[in-house]
């Protein structure tokens, strides 16, 4: 695989992880260190760092984070949980699309690990958050 193609794949994934981090930061800023946002924002930071390490390994410049401070939190915590569920679903789908295009074993492993974290930990946590918030309103 051409390095430029792999670079674009890694940059697409990095952009998505940074967007999630900025979104969860906005939620925390508005509602306080509420779970699971307070836990998962740290995971998103680790995800971005893992992708940045792959870019550095390939000699590709890591762009500055364009998302910092650019996201507004939803009006309610329930909406934030709902939005986070949708974001994680979209993240998993992004990896479904990108992973098959990766031939580099190290990059592929990182992307598979990130997708697994979204599918197995983040999505279920945000679904529980949404359920909890809906129960509070009823």
N, C-alpha and C. Protein backbone atom coordinates (compact mmCIF):
# COMPACT_ATOMS: atom_id res chain seq x y z
N UNK A 1 0.86 -1.19 0.00
CA UNK A 1 0.00 0.00 0.00
C UNK A 1 0.90 1.24 0.00
N UNK A 2 0.53 2.16 -0.80
CA UNK A 2 1.27 3.42 -0.83
C UNK A 2 1.13 4.11 0.51
N UNK A 3 2.21 4.70 0.95
CA UNK A 3 2.20 5.40 2.24
C UNK A 3 1.15 6.50 2.26
N UNK A 4 0.95 7.17 1.12
CA UNK A 4 -0.02 8.27 1.11
C UNK A 4 -1.45 7.74 1.34
N UNK A 5 -1.75 6.57 0.81
CA UNK A 5 -3.08 5.98 1.03
C UNK A 5 -3.23 5.61 2.50
N UNK A 6 -2.21 4.99 3.08
CA UNK A 6 -2.26 4.64 4.49
C UNK A 6 -2.33 5.91 5.34
N UNK A 7 -1.57 6.93 4.96
CA UNK A 7 -1.61 8.20 5.69
C UNK A 7 -3.03 8.76 5.71
N UNK A 8 -3.70 8.75 4.58
CA UNK A 8 -5.07 9.28 4.51
C UNK A 8 -6.02 8.47 5.39
N UNK A 9 -5.84 7.16 5.41
CA UNK A 9 -6.67 6.30 6.26
C UNK A 9 -6.45 6.64 7.73
N UNK A 10 -5.18 6.73 8.12
CA UNK A 10 -4.86 7.05 9.52
C UNK A 10 -5.34 8.45 9.89
N UNK A 11 -5.21 9.39 8.97
CA UNK A 11 -5.67 10.76 9.23
C UNK A 11 -7.19 10.83 9.35
N UNK A 12 -7.91 10.05 8.56
CA UNK A 12 -9.38 9.99 8.67
C UNK A 12 -9.77 9.47 10.06
N UNK A 13 -9.10 8.41 10.48
CA UNK A 13 -9.40 7.84 11.80
C UNK A 13 -9.04 8.83 12.91
N UNK A 14 -7.89 9.49 12.78
CA UNK A 14 -7.46 10.46 13.78
C UNK A 14 -8.46 11.61 13.89
N UNK A 15 -8.94 12.08 12.77
CA UNK A 15 -9.93 13.16 12.74
C UNK A 15 -11.18 12.74 13.51
N UNK A 16 -11.63 11.52 13.31
CA UNK A 16 -12.83 11.02 13.98
C UNK A 16 -12.60 10.89 15.50
N UNK A 17 -11.44 10.40 15.89
CA UNK A 17 -11.14 10.27 17.32
C UNK A 17 -11.05 11.65 17.98
N UNK A 18 -10.44 12.60 17.29
CA UNK A 18 -10.34 13.96 17.84
C UNK A 18 -11.70 14.63 17.94
N UNK A 19 -12.55 14.37 16.98
CA UNK A 19 -13.91 14.93 17.01
C UNK A 19 -14.65 14.38 18.24
N UNK A 20 -14.53 13.08 18.47
CA UNK A 20 -15.18 12.47 19.63
C UNK A 20 -14.64 13.08 20.92
N UNK A 21 -13.33 13.22 21.00
CA UNK A 21 -12.71 13.81 22.19
C UNK A 21 -13.24 15.23 22.44
N UNK A 22 -13.31 16.04 21.41
CA UNK A 22 -13.80 17.42 21.54
C UNK A 22 -15.28 17.44 21.94
N UNK A 23 -16.04 16.51 21.39
CA UNK A 23 -17.46 16.41 21.73
C UNK A 23 -17.64 16.06 23.20
N UNK A 24 -16.89 15.07 23.66
CA UNK A 24 -17.01 14.64 25.05
C UNK A 24 -16.47 15.72 25.99
N UNK A 25 -15.46 16.47 25.56
CA UNK A 25 -14.96 17.60 26.36
C UNK A 25 -16.03 18.67 26.52
N UNK A 26 -16.78 18.94 25.46
CA UNK A 26 -17.86 19.93 25.53
C UNK A 26 -18.94 19.48 26.50
N UNK A 27 -19.25 18.19 26.49
CA UNK A 27 -20.26 17.64 27.41
C UNK A 27 -19.78 17.79 28.85
N UNK A 28 -18.51 17.46 29.10
CA UNK A 28 -17.95 17.56 30.45
C UNK A 28 -17.92 19.02 30.91
N UNK A 29 -17.60 19.91 30.01
CA UNK A 29 -17.57 21.33 30.35
C UNK A 29 -18.96 21.82 30.76
N UNK A 30 -19.99 21.32 30.08
CA UNK A 30 -21.36 21.78 30.35
C UNK A 30 -21.98 21.08 31.56
N UNK A 31 -21.76 19.77 31.69
CA UNK A 31 -22.47 18.99 32.71
C UNK A 31 -21.58 18.49 33.85
N UNK A 32 -20.29 18.80 33.79
CA UNK A 32 -19.36 18.31 34.81
C UNK A 32 -18.80 16.96 34.41
N UNK A 33 -17.96 16.38 35.27
CA UNK A 33 -17.26 15.13 34.93
C UNK A 33 -18.18 13.91 35.03
N UNK A 34 -19.24 13.94 34.27
CA UNK A 34 -20.25 12.88 34.30
C UNK A 34 -19.74 11.65 33.53
N UNK A 35 -20.07 10.49 34.07
CA UNK A 35 -19.70 9.24 33.40
C UNK A 35 -20.78 8.88 32.41
N UNK A 36 -20.47 8.24 31.31
CA UNK A 36 -19.17 7.69 30.95
C UNK A 36 -18.26 8.68 30.20
N UNK A 37 -18.72 9.91 30.00
CA UNK A 37 -17.93 10.87 29.23
C UNK A 37 -16.54 11.09 29.84
N UNK A 38 -16.49 11.19 31.17
CA UNK A 38 -15.22 11.46 31.85
C UNK A 38 -14.23 10.31 31.67
N UNK A 39 -14.73 9.09 31.56
CA UNK A 39 -13.84 7.93 31.32
C UNK A 39 -13.46 7.84 29.86
N UNK A 40 -14.44 7.97 29.01
CA UNK A 40 -14.22 7.69 27.58
C UNK A 40 -13.41 8.79 26.91
N UNK A 41 -13.46 10.02 27.42
CA UNK A 41 -12.62 11.07 26.83
C UNK A 41 -11.14 10.68 26.94
N UNK A 42 -10.78 10.05 28.05
CA UNK A 42 -9.39 9.60 28.21
C UNK A 42 -9.06 8.50 27.20
N UNK A 43 -10.01 7.63 26.94
CA UNK A 43 -9.80 6.59 25.93
C UNK A 43 -9.64 7.21 24.55
N UNK A 44 -10.43 8.22 24.26
CA UNK A 44 -10.33 8.89 22.94
C UNK A 44 -8.95 9.54 22.80
N UNK A 45 -8.44 10.09 23.88
CA UNK A 45 -7.10 10.68 23.85
C UNK A 45 -6.04 9.60 23.57
N UNK A 46 -6.20 8.44 24.19
CA UNK A 46 -5.27 7.33 23.94
C UNK A 46 -5.40 6.84 22.51
N UNK A 47 -6.63 6.81 21.99
CA UNK A 47 -6.85 6.38 20.60
C UNK A 47 -6.13 7.33 19.63
N UNK A 48 -6.30 8.63 19.85
CA UNK A 48 -5.64 9.61 18.99
C UNK A 48 -4.13 9.45 19.08
N UNK A 49 -3.62 9.24 20.29
CA UNK A 49 -2.18 9.08 20.47
C UNK A 49 -1.67 7.84 19.74
N UNK A 50 -2.43 6.76 19.76
CA UNK A 50 -2.03 5.53 19.05
C UNK A 50 -1.95 5.78 17.54
N UNK A 51 -2.91 6.52 17.02
CA UNK A 51 -2.90 6.85 15.58
C UNK A 51 -1.75 7.80 15.26
N UNK A 52 -1.50 8.75 16.16
CA UNK A 52 -0.39 9.68 15.96
C UNK A 52 0.95 8.93 15.94
N UNK A 53 1.09 7.89 16.79
CA UNK A 53 2.32 7.09 16.80
C UNK A 53 2.50 6.36 15.47
N UNK A 54 1.40 5.88 14.90
CA UNK A 54 1.49 5.20 13.60
C UNK A 54 1.93 6.19 12.51
N UNK A 55 1.36 7.38 12.54
CA UNK A 55 1.76 8.40 11.57
C UNK A 55 3.24 8.73 11.72
N UNK A 56 3.69 8.90 12.95
CA UNK A 56 5.10 9.22 13.21
C UNK A 56 6.00 8.08 12.73
N UNK A 57 5.57 6.84 12.98
CA UNK A 57 6.35 5.67 12.54
C UNK A 57 6.54 5.68 11.03
N UNK A 58 5.53 6.17 10.33
CA UNK A 58 5.58 6.21 8.86
C UNK A 58 6.21 7.51 8.34
N UNK A 59 6.64 8.38 9.26
CA UNK A 59 7.27 9.63 8.85
C UNK A 59 6.29 10.66 8.32
N UNK A 60 5.04 10.56 8.77
CA UNK A 60 3.98 11.47 8.31
C UNK A 60 3.71 12.51 9.40
N UNK A 61 3.68 13.77 9.01
CA UNK A 61 3.42 14.84 9.97
C UNK A 61 2.03 14.70 10.57
N UNK A 62 1.96 14.90 11.86
CA UNK A 62 0.68 14.87 12.56
C UNK A 62 0.11 16.29 12.54
N UNK A 63 -1.07 16.45 11.95
CA UNK A 63 -1.66 17.80 11.89
C UNK A 63 -2.15 18.25 13.26
N UNK A 64 -2.25 19.56 13.45
CA UNK A 64 -2.82 20.06 14.71
C UNK A 64 -4.30 19.65 14.82
N UNK A 65 -4.77 19.60 16.04
CA UNK A 65 -6.15 19.22 16.29
C UNK A 65 -7.07 20.40 15.96
N UNK A 66 -7.87 20.25 14.91
CA UNK A 66 -8.77 21.31 14.47
C UNK A 66 -10.09 21.32 15.26
N UNK A 67 -10.33 20.32 16.11
CA UNK A 67 -11.61 20.20 16.80
C UNK A 67 -11.65 20.88 18.16
N UNK A 68 -10.50 21.14 18.76
CA UNK A 68 -10.46 21.67 20.12
C UNK A 68 -11.30 22.95 20.24
N UNK A 69 -12.27 22.91 21.16
CA UNK A 69 -13.11 24.07 21.41
C UNK A 69 -14.12 24.40 20.32
N UNK A 70 -14.30 23.51 19.35
CA UNK A 70 -15.19 23.80 18.21
C UNK A 70 -16.54 23.09 18.30
N UNK A 71 -16.75 22.31 19.36
CA UNK A 71 -17.98 21.53 19.46
C UNK A 71 -18.82 22.07 20.61
N UNK A 72 -20.12 22.16 20.39
CA UNK A 72 -21.05 22.61 21.42
C UNK A 72 -21.80 21.40 21.97
N UNK A 73 -21.93 21.35 23.27
CA UNK A 73 -22.66 20.25 23.90
C UNK A 73 -24.15 20.36 23.63
N UNK A 74 -24.82 19.22 23.53
CA UNK A 74 -26.29 19.23 23.40
C UNK A 74 -26.95 19.87 24.64
N UNK A 75 -28.22 20.15 24.52
CA UNK A 75 -28.96 20.84 25.58
C UNK A 75 -29.12 20.00 26.85
N UNK A 76 -29.22 18.69 26.71
CA UNK A 76 -29.42 17.84 27.88
C UNK A 76 -28.43 16.69 27.87
N UNK A 77 -28.26 16.09 29.02
CA UNK A 77 -27.36 14.94 29.13
C UNK A 77 -27.92 13.76 28.33
N UNK A 78 -29.23 13.62 28.31
CA UNK A 78 -29.84 12.54 27.51
C UNK A 78 -29.49 12.72 26.03
N UNK A 79 -29.58 13.96 25.54
CA UNK A 79 -29.21 14.22 24.14
C UNK A 79 -27.73 13.95 23.91
N UNK A 80 -26.91 14.29 24.90
CA UNK A 80 -25.47 14.03 24.78
C UNK A 80 -25.20 12.53 24.69
N UNK A 81 -25.90 11.74 25.50
CA UNK A 81 -25.74 10.28 25.46
C UNK A 81 -26.21 9.74 24.12
N UNK A 82 -27.33 10.24 23.65
CA UNK A 82 -27.87 9.81 22.36
C UNK A 82 -26.90 10.14 21.23
N UNK A 83 -26.36 11.33 21.27
CA UNK A 83 -25.40 11.76 20.26
C UNK A 83 -24.13 10.90 20.32
N UNK A 84 -23.70 10.56 21.53
CA UNK A 84 -22.51 9.73 21.70
C UNK A 84 -22.74 8.32 21.16
N UNK A 85 -23.93 7.78 21.37
CA UNK A 85 -24.27 6.46 20.79
C UNK A 85 -24.12 6.54 19.28
N UNK A 86 -24.71 7.57 18.68
CA UNK A 86 -24.63 7.73 17.22
C UNK A 86 -23.18 7.90 16.77
N UNK A 87 -22.41 8.67 17.52
CA UNK A 87 -21.01 8.89 17.18
C UNK A 87 -20.19 7.61 17.20
N UNK A 88 -20.44 6.77 18.20
CA UNK A 88 -19.71 5.50 18.30
C UNK A 88 -20.14 4.54 17.19
N UNK A 89 -21.42 4.53 16.86
CA UNK A 89 -21.90 3.71 15.73
C UNK A 89 -21.20 4.14 14.44
N UNK A 90 -21.11 5.45 14.24
CA UNK A 90 -20.44 5.97 13.04
C UNK A 90 -18.95 5.66 13.06
N UNK A 91 -18.33 5.70 14.24
CA UNK A 91 -16.91 5.38 14.37
C UNK A 91 -16.65 3.92 14.00
N UNK A 92 -17.50 3.02 14.47
CA UNK A 92 -17.37 1.59 14.16
C UNK A 92 -17.52 1.39 12.65
N UNK A 93 -18.48 2.07 12.05
CA UNK A 93 -18.69 1.96 10.60
C UNK A 93 -17.49 2.51 9.82
N UNK A 94 -16.90 3.59 10.32
CA UNK A 94 -15.70 4.15 9.69
C UNK A 94 -14.59 3.10 9.67
N UNK A 95 -14.36 2.46 10.80
CA UNK A 95 -13.33 1.42 10.86
C UNK A 95 -13.69 0.23 9.98
N UNK A 96 -14.98 -0.10 9.92
CA UNK A 96 -15.40 -1.18 9.00
C UNK A 96 -14.98 -0.86 7.56
N UNK A 97 -15.07 0.40 7.21
CA UNK A 97 -14.72 0.82 5.86
C UNK A 97 -13.20 0.90 5.65
N UNK A 98 -12.48 1.39 6.65
CA UNK A 98 -11.05 1.64 6.50
C UNK A 98 -10.17 0.40 6.69
N UNK A 99 -10.47 -0.42 7.67
CA UNK A 99 -9.60 -1.55 8.00
C UNK A 99 -9.30 -2.47 6.81
N UNK A 100 -10.30 -2.83 5.99
CA UNK A 100 -9.98 -3.72 4.87
C UNK A 100 -8.98 -3.14 3.86
N UNK A 101 -8.78 -1.83 3.89
CA UNK A 101 -7.86 -1.20 2.94
C UNK A 101 -6.43 -1.17 3.46
N UNK A 102 -6.20 -1.61 4.70
CA UNK A 102 -4.88 -1.50 5.32
C UNK A 102 -4.11 -2.80 5.17
N UNK A 103 -2.94 -2.67 4.56
CA UNK A 103 -2.05 -3.82 4.44
C UNK A 103 -0.96 -3.83 5.51
N UNK A 104 -0.61 -2.65 6.03
CA UNK A 104 0.43 -2.53 7.05
C UNK A 104 -0.05 -3.22 8.34
N UNK A 105 0.65 -4.29 8.79
CA UNK A 105 0.16 -5.06 9.94
C UNK A 105 0.04 -4.24 11.23
N UNK A 106 1.00 -3.37 11.51
CA UNK A 106 0.95 -2.60 12.75
C UNK A 106 -0.23 -1.61 12.73
N UNK A 107 -0.39 -0.92 11.62
CA UNK A 107 -1.50 0.04 11.51
C UNK A 107 -2.84 -0.68 11.57
N UNK A 108 -2.91 -1.82 10.92
CA UNK A 108 -4.16 -2.60 10.92
C UNK A 108 -4.51 -3.03 12.35
N UNK A 109 -3.52 -3.49 13.09
CA UNK A 109 -3.76 -3.94 14.47
C UNK A 109 -4.26 -2.80 15.34
N UNK A 110 -3.64 -1.64 15.20
CA UNK A 110 -4.07 -0.46 15.98
C UNK A 110 -5.53 -0.14 15.65
N UNK A 111 -5.85 -0.09 14.39
CA UNK A 111 -7.23 0.24 13.98
C UNK A 111 -8.22 -0.81 14.48
N UNK A 112 -7.86 -2.08 14.41
CA UNK A 112 -8.75 -3.14 14.92
C UNK A 112 -8.97 -2.98 16.42
N UNK A 113 -7.89 -2.64 17.14
CA UNK A 113 -8.01 -2.44 18.59
C UNK A 113 -8.92 -1.26 18.92
N UNK A 114 -8.79 -0.17 18.16
CA UNK A 114 -9.62 1.00 18.41
C UNK A 114 -11.08 0.70 18.11
N UNK A 115 -11.32 -0.01 17.03
CA UNK A 115 -12.70 -0.37 16.70
C UNK A 115 -13.30 -1.27 17.79
N UNK A 116 -12.51 -2.21 18.26
CA UNK A 116 -13.02 -3.11 19.30
C UNK A 116 -13.38 -2.33 20.56
N UNK A 117 -12.57 -1.35 20.93
CA UNK A 117 -12.87 -0.54 22.11
C UNK A 117 -14.18 0.22 21.92
N UNK A 118 -14.39 0.77 20.73
CA UNK A 118 -15.65 1.48 20.47
C UNK A 118 -16.84 0.54 20.53
N UNK A 119 -16.70 -0.62 19.91
CA UNK A 119 -17.82 -1.57 19.83
C UNK A 119 -18.09 -2.22 21.18
N UNK A 120 -17.04 -2.63 21.89
CA UNK A 120 -17.22 -3.46 23.09
C UNK A 120 -17.31 -2.67 24.38
N UNK A 121 -16.80 -1.44 24.40
CA UNK A 121 -16.81 -0.66 25.64
C UNK A 121 -17.55 0.67 25.51
N UNK A 122 -17.17 1.48 24.53
CA UNK A 122 -17.77 2.83 24.44
C UNK A 122 -19.26 2.78 24.09
N UNK A 123 -19.62 2.06 23.04
CA UNK A 123 -21.02 2.01 22.62
C UNK A 123 -21.92 1.47 23.74
N UNK A 124 -21.59 0.34 24.38
CA UNK A 124 -22.45 -0.13 25.47
C UNK A 124 -22.54 0.88 26.63
N UNK A 125 -21.44 1.56 26.94
CA UNK A 125 -21.47 2.55 28.04
C UNK A 125 -22.40 3.71 27.71
N UNK A 126 -22.34 4.18 26.47
CA UNK A 126 -23.22 5.29 26.10
C UNK A 126 -24.68 4.84 25.98
N UNK A 127 -24.91 3.60 25.59
CA UNK A 127 -26.28 3.08 25.57
C UNK A 127 -26.84 3.02 27.00
N UNK A 128 -26.01 2.60 27.96
CA UNK A 128 -26.45 2.59 29.37
C UNK A 128 -26.72 4.01 29.85
N UNK A 129 -25.88 4.94 29.44
CA UNK A 129 -26.06 6.36 29.79
C UNK A 129 -27.41 6.86 29.28
N UNK A 130 -27.72 6.56 28.05
CA UNK A 130 -28.98 6.99 27.45
C UNK A 130 -30.16 6.37 28.18
N UNK A 131 -30.06 5.09 28.49
CA UNK A 131 -31.13 4.40 29.23
C UNK A 131 -31.33 5.04 30.61
N UNK A 132 -30.24 5.30 31.29
CA UNK A 132 -30.29 5.91 32.63
C UNK A 132 -30.95 7.29 32.56
N UNK A 133 -30.57 8.09 31.58
CA UNK A 133 -31.13 9.44 31.45
C UNK A 133 -32.61 9.39 31.07
N UNK A 134 -32.99 8.45 30.23
CA UNK A 134 -34.41 8.30 29.88
C UNK A 134 -35.22 7.87 31.08
N UNK A 135 -34.65 6.97 31.90
CA UNK A 135 -35.35 6.52 33.10
C UNK A 135 -35.56 7.68 34.08
N UNK A 136 -34.61 8.59 34.15
CA UNK A 136 -34.72 9.75 35.04
C UNK A 136 -35.85 10.66 34.63
N UNK A 137 -36.10 10.74 33.34
CA UNK A 137 -37.14 11.66 32.84
C UNK A 137 -38.53 11.06 32.91
N UNK A 138 -38.60 9.74 33.07
CA UNK A 138 -39.94 9.13 33.07
C UNK A 138 -40.46 8.87 34.46
